[in-house]
Protein backbone atom coordinates (compact mmCIF):
# COMPACT_ATOMS: atom_id res chain seq x y z
CA UNK A 1 20.74 17.34 -11.71
CA UNK A 2 19.28 18.15 -8.41
CA UNK A 3 15.33 18.36 -7.50
CA UNK A 4 13.92 19.06 -3.89
CA UNK A 5 12.10 16.75 -2.53
CA UNK A 6 8.88 18.65 -2.71
CA UNK A 7 9.52 18.83 -6.49
CA UNK A 8 10.17 15.08 -7.01
CA UNK A 9 6.89 14.36 -4.76
CA UNK A 10 4.36 16.36 -6.95
CA UNK A 11 6.32 14.72 -10.34
CA UNK A 12 5.71 11.31 -8.50
CA UNK A 13 2.60 12.40 -7.94
CA UNK A 14 1.76 13.43 -11.54
CA UNK A 15 3.30 10.48 -13.28
CA UNK A 16 1.67 8.16 -10.77
CA UNK A 17 -1.57 9.87 -11.58
CA UNK A 18 -1.10 9.22 -15.36
CA UNK A 19 -0.05 5.36 -14.69
CA UNK A 20 -2.87 5.09 -13.27
CA UNK A 21 -5.34 6.26 -15.89
CA UNK A 22 -3.47 4.14 -18.41
CA UNK A 23 -3.90 0.75 -16.26
CA UNK A 24 -7.04 1.63 -15.81
CA UNK A 25 -8.10 2.46 -19.35
CA UNK A 26 -5.84 -1.16 -20.31
CA UNK A 27 -8.33 -3.17 -17.58
CA UNK A 28 -11.69 -1.42 -18.49
CA UNK A 29 -10.94 -2.70 -22.59
CA UNK A 30 -10.86 -5.76 -21.19
CA UNK A 31 -14.48 -6.35 -21.69
CA UNK A 32 -14.99 -5.57 -25.26
CA UNK A 33 -12.44 -7.81 -26.55
CA UNK A 34 -13.45 -11.62 -27.71
CA UNK A 35 -9.63 -12.79 -28.62
CA UNK A 36 -7.99 -14.34 -25.97
CA UNK A 37 -4.30 -13.54 -27.16
CA UNK A 38 -5.23 -10.38 -27.05
CA UNK A 39 -7.23 -9.91 -23.54
CA UNK A 40 -3.79 -11.47 -22.26
CA UNK A 41 -2.17 -8.99 -23.95
CA UNK A 42 -3.70 -6.15 -22.57
CA UNK A 43 -3.79 -7.36 -19.02
CA UNK A 44 -0.13 -7.67 -19.26
CA UNK A 45 -0.23 -4.18 -20.84
CA UNK A 46 -3.16 -3.09 -17.84
CA UNK A 47 -0.26 -4.71 -14.99
CA UNK A 48 2.83 -3.07 -16.45
CA UNK A 49 0.90 0.26 -15.78
CA UNK A 50 0.12 -0.78 -12.37
CA UNK A 51 3.26 -1.86 -11.37
CA UNK A 52 4.32 1.63 -12.74
CA UNK A 53 1.78 3.30 -10.64
CA UNK A 54 3.09 1.46 -6.89
CA UNK A 55 6.34 2.59 -8.04
CA UNK A 56 6.14 6.25 -8.54
CA UNK A 57 3.66 6.18 -5.06
CA UNK A 58 6.24 4.56 -2.97
CA UNK A 59 8.63 7.03 -4.19
CA UNK A 60 6.46 9.95 -3.81
CA UNK A 61 6.14 8.82 -0.08
CA UNK A 62 9.34 8.69 -0.01
CA UNK A 63 10.10 11.51 -1.14
CA UNK A 64 7.37 13.19 1.36
CA UNK A 65 8.47 11.64 4.39
CA UNK A 66 12.24 12.98 3.20
CA UNK A 67 10.13 16.40 2.93
CA UNK A 68 9.02 15.85 6.29
CA UNK A 69 11.91 14.75 8.15
CA UNK A 70 10.88 11.79 8.96
CA UNK A 71 13.96 9.55 6.98
CA UNK A 72 16.61 11.83 9.25
CA UNK A 73 18.02 15.28 9.62
CA UNK A 74 16.36 18.30 7.28
CA UNK A 75 20.43 19.86 5.85
């Protein structure tokens, strides 16, 4: 399956926003947790989603650069 750079850019943007939402939800839940083990699990969950956000953001920027022709000639 072949996607254009524009479609990939938008898909990465949507996925990045979803990941950011899950991460912020995980970080906001830390204040209500009393048990330290649950707090560590929630923090790990939130950082995992932040990592996915960063990966999607980077690939979205790379797709945008490819679309604009900044990383090589447009064929």
